[in-house]
Amino acid sequence: MSIAGNPKKIAEDIGDGYQSLNDAVLKKYNQQDLKTILTNLQIVQRELRAQQVDLNDVMAAKSKNTKMSRVNQAMTILQAFAKKRRIQI
């Protein structure tokens, strides 16, 4: 199954917590789709790291760290899924 919609938007939704990755979701995608999702997760991760947060704004820092955590977790899940299925990404 190919990716429905914009892959970068999917990666941003993962960071925002609207969508999550697990084995059941990843099972639908082929090797190229998984590579595209991983690439877009890396792009979103870079964008999050580049965000400047005011040191006094605790809620913004917490939001940024939560998004980073979600993106990192999704990347780990995707890489583990690919390794378990012996898919090169």
C-alpha atoms as a PDB file:
ATOM      1  CA  MET A   1       0.000   0.000   0.000  1.00  0.00           C
ATOM      2  CA  SER A   2       1.352   3.377  -0.871  1.00  0.00           C
ATOM      3  CA  ILE A   3       1.364   6.317   1.494  1.00  0.00           C
ATOM      4  CA  ALA A   4      -1.916   8.230   1.440  1.00  0.00           C
ATOM      5  CA  GLY A   5      -1.263  11.944   1.666  1.00  0.00           C
ATOM      6  CA  ASN A   6       1.849  13.944   2.334  1.00  0.00           C
ATOM      7  CA  PRO A   7       4.555  11.897   4.120  1.00  0.00           C
ATOM      8  CA  LYS A   8       5.930  14.978   5.873  1.00  0.00           C
ATOM      9  CA  LYS A   9       2.472  15.738   7.257  1.00  0.00           C
ATOM     10  CA  ILE A  10       2.309  12.179   8.586  1.00  0.00           C
ATOM     11  CA  ALA A  11       5.664  12.703  10.332  1.00  0.00           C
ATOM     12  CA  GLU A  12       4.437  16.007  11.802  1.00  0.00           C
ATOM     13  CA  ASP A  13       1.238  14.324  13.003  1.00  0.00           C
ATOM     14  CA  ILE A  14       3.346  11.675  14.739  1.00  0.00           C
ATOM     15  CA  GLY A  15       5.271  14.444  16.496  1.00  0.00           C
ATOM     16  CA  ASP A  16       2.040  16.170  17.503  1.00  0.00           C
ATOM     17  CA  GLY A  17       0.603  12.906  18.842  1.00  0.00           C
ATOM     18  CA  TYR A  18      -2.273  12.590  16.364  1.00  0.00           C
ATOM     19  CA  GLN A  19      -0.885   9.425  14.828  1.00  0.00           C
ATOM     20  CA  SER A  20       1.337   6.646  16.096  1.00  0.00           C
ATOM     21  CA  LEU A  21       3.368   3.878  14.535  1.00  0.00           C
ATOM     22  CA  ASN A  22       3.176   0.234  15.501  1.00  0.00           C
ATOM     23  CA  ASP A  23       3.667  -3.117  13.783  1.00  0.00           C
ATOM     24  CA  ALA A  24       0.062  -3.296  12.576  1.00  0.00           C
ATOM     25  CA  VAL A  25       0.285   0.104  10.886  1.00  0.00           C
ATOM     26  CA  LEU A  26       3.723  -0.526   9.389  1.00  0.00           C
ATOM     27  CA  LYS A  27       2.699  -3.904   7.975  1.00  0.00           C
ATOM     28  CA  LYS A  28       0.748  -2.122   5.212  1.00  0.00           C
ATOM     29  CA  TYR A  29       3.789  -0.368   3.774  1.00  0.00           C
ATOM     30  CA  ASN A  30       6.470  -1.637   1.420  1.00  0.00           C
ATOM     31  CA  GLN A  31      10.216  -0.964   1.640  1.00  0.00           C
ATOM     32  CA  GLN A  32      10.116   2.317  -0.293  1.00  0.00           C
ATOM     33  CA  ASP A  33       7.237   3.654   1.815  1.00  0.00           C
ATOM     34  CA  LEU A  34       9.063   2.822   5.048  1.00  0.00           C
ATOM     35  CA  LYS A  35      12.161   4.594   3.777  1.00  0.00           C
ATOM     36  CA  THR A  36      10.072   7.654   2.855  1.00  0.00           C
ATOM     37  CA  ILE A  37       8.459   7.758   6.302  1.00  0.00           C
ATOM     38  CA  LEU A  38      11.848   7.435   8.017  1.00  0.00           C
ATOM     39  CA  THR A  39      13.312  10.211   5.869  1.00  0.00           C
ATOM     40  CA  ASN A  40      10.441  12.532   6.709  1.00  0.00           C
ATOM     41  CA  LEU A  41      10.698  11.707  10.405  1.00  0.00           C
ATOM     42  CA  GLN A  42      14.366  12.705  10.217  1.00  0.00           C
ATOM     43  CA  ILE A  43      13.404  15.990   8.519  1.00  0.00           C
ATOM     44  CA  VAL A  44      10.841  16.773  11.220  1.00  0.00           C
ATOM     45  CA  GLN A  45      13.396  15.867  13.883  1.00  0.00           C
ATOM     46  CA  ARG A  46      15.876  18.340  12.374  1.00  0.00           C
ATOM     47  CA  GLU A  47      13.213  21.054  12.271  1.00  0.00           C
ATOM     48  CA  LEU A  48      12.322  20.444  15.915  1.00  0.00           C
ATOM     49  CA  ARG A  49      15.955  20.625  16.956  1.00  0.00           C
ATOM     50  CA  ALA A  50      16.321  23.917  15.097  1.00  0.00           C
ATOM     51  CA  GLN A  51      13.434  25.547  16.978  1.00  0.00           C
ATOM     52  CA  GLN A  52      14.571  28.211  19.404  1.00  0.00           C
ATOM     53  CA  VAL A  53      12.633  28.159  22.669  1.00  0.00           C
ATOM     54  CA  ASP A  54      12.779  30.952  25.227  1.00  0.00           C
ATOM     55  CA  LEU A  55      14.386  29.670  28.408  1.00  0.00           C
ATOM     56  CA  ASN A  56      11.614  31.189  30.517  1.00  0.00           C
ATOM     57  CA  ASP A  57       8.829  29.520  28.527  1.00  0.00           C
ATOM     58  CA  VAL A  58       8.524  26.178  30.277  1.00  0.00           C
ATOM     59  CA  MET A  59       5.434  25.028  28.359  1.00  0.00           C
ATOM     60  CA  ALA A  60       7.079  25.608  24.972  1.00  0.00           C
ATOM     61  CA  ALA A  61      10.172  23.694  26.072  1.00  0.00           C
ATOM     62  CA  LYS A  62       8.012  20.848  27.332  1.00  0.00           C
ATOM     63  CA  SER A  63       6.051  20.772  24.064  1.00  0.00           C
ATOM     64  CA  LYS A  64       9.239  20.679  22.010  1.00  0.00           C
ATOM     65  CA  ASN A  65      10.708  17.880  24.126  1.00  0.00           C
ATOM     66  CA  THR A  66       7.488  15.862  23.932  1.00  0.00           C
ATOM     67  CA  LYS A  67       7.419  16.143  20.133  1.00  0.00           C
ATOM     68  CA  MET A  68      11.090  15.154  19.958  1.00  0.00           C
ATOM     69  CA  SER A  69      10.382  12.143  22.141  1.00  0.00           C
ATOM     70  CA  ARG A  70       7.475  11.012  19.947  1.00  0.00           C
ATOM     71  CA  VAL A  71       9.511  11.366  16.758  1.00  0.00           C
ATOM     72  CA  ASN A  72      12.471   9.481  18.263  1.00  0.00           C
ATOM     73  CA  GLN A  73      10.180   6.705  19.465  1.00  0.00           C
ATOM     74  CA  ALA A  74       8.543   6.418  16.032  1.00  0.00           C
ATOM     75  CA  MET A  75      11.949   6.199  14.353  1.00  0.00           C
ATOM     76  CA  THR A  76      13.022   3.481  16.773  1.00  0.00           C
ATOM     77  CA  ILE A  77       9.828   1.496  16.182  1.00  0.00           C
ATOM     78  CA  LEU A  78      10.194   1.805  12.411  1.00  0.00           C
ATOM     79  CA  GLN A  79      13.841   0.727  12.456  1.00  0.00           C
ATOM     80  CA  ALA A  80      13.090  -2.235  14.743  1.00  0.00           C
ATOM     81  CA  PHE A  81      10.214  -3.296  12.498  1.00  0.00           C
ATOM     82  CA  ALA A  82      12.456  -3.150   9.422  1.00  0.00           C
ATOM     83  CA  LYS A  83      15.212  -5.087  11.167  1.00  0.00           C
ATOM     84  CA  LYS A  84      12.773  -7.770  12.348  1.00  0.00           C
ATOM     85  CA  ARG A  85      11.402  -8.151   8.811  1.00  0.00           C
ATOM     86  CA  ARG A  86      14.894  -7.922   7.269  1.00  0.00           C
ATOM     87  CA  ILE A  87      13.971  -4.851   5.242  1.00  0.00           C
ATOM     88  CA  GLN A  88      16.795  -2.555   4.195  1.00  0.00           C
ATOM     89  CA  ILE A  89      15.952   1.088   4.854  1.00  0.00           C
END
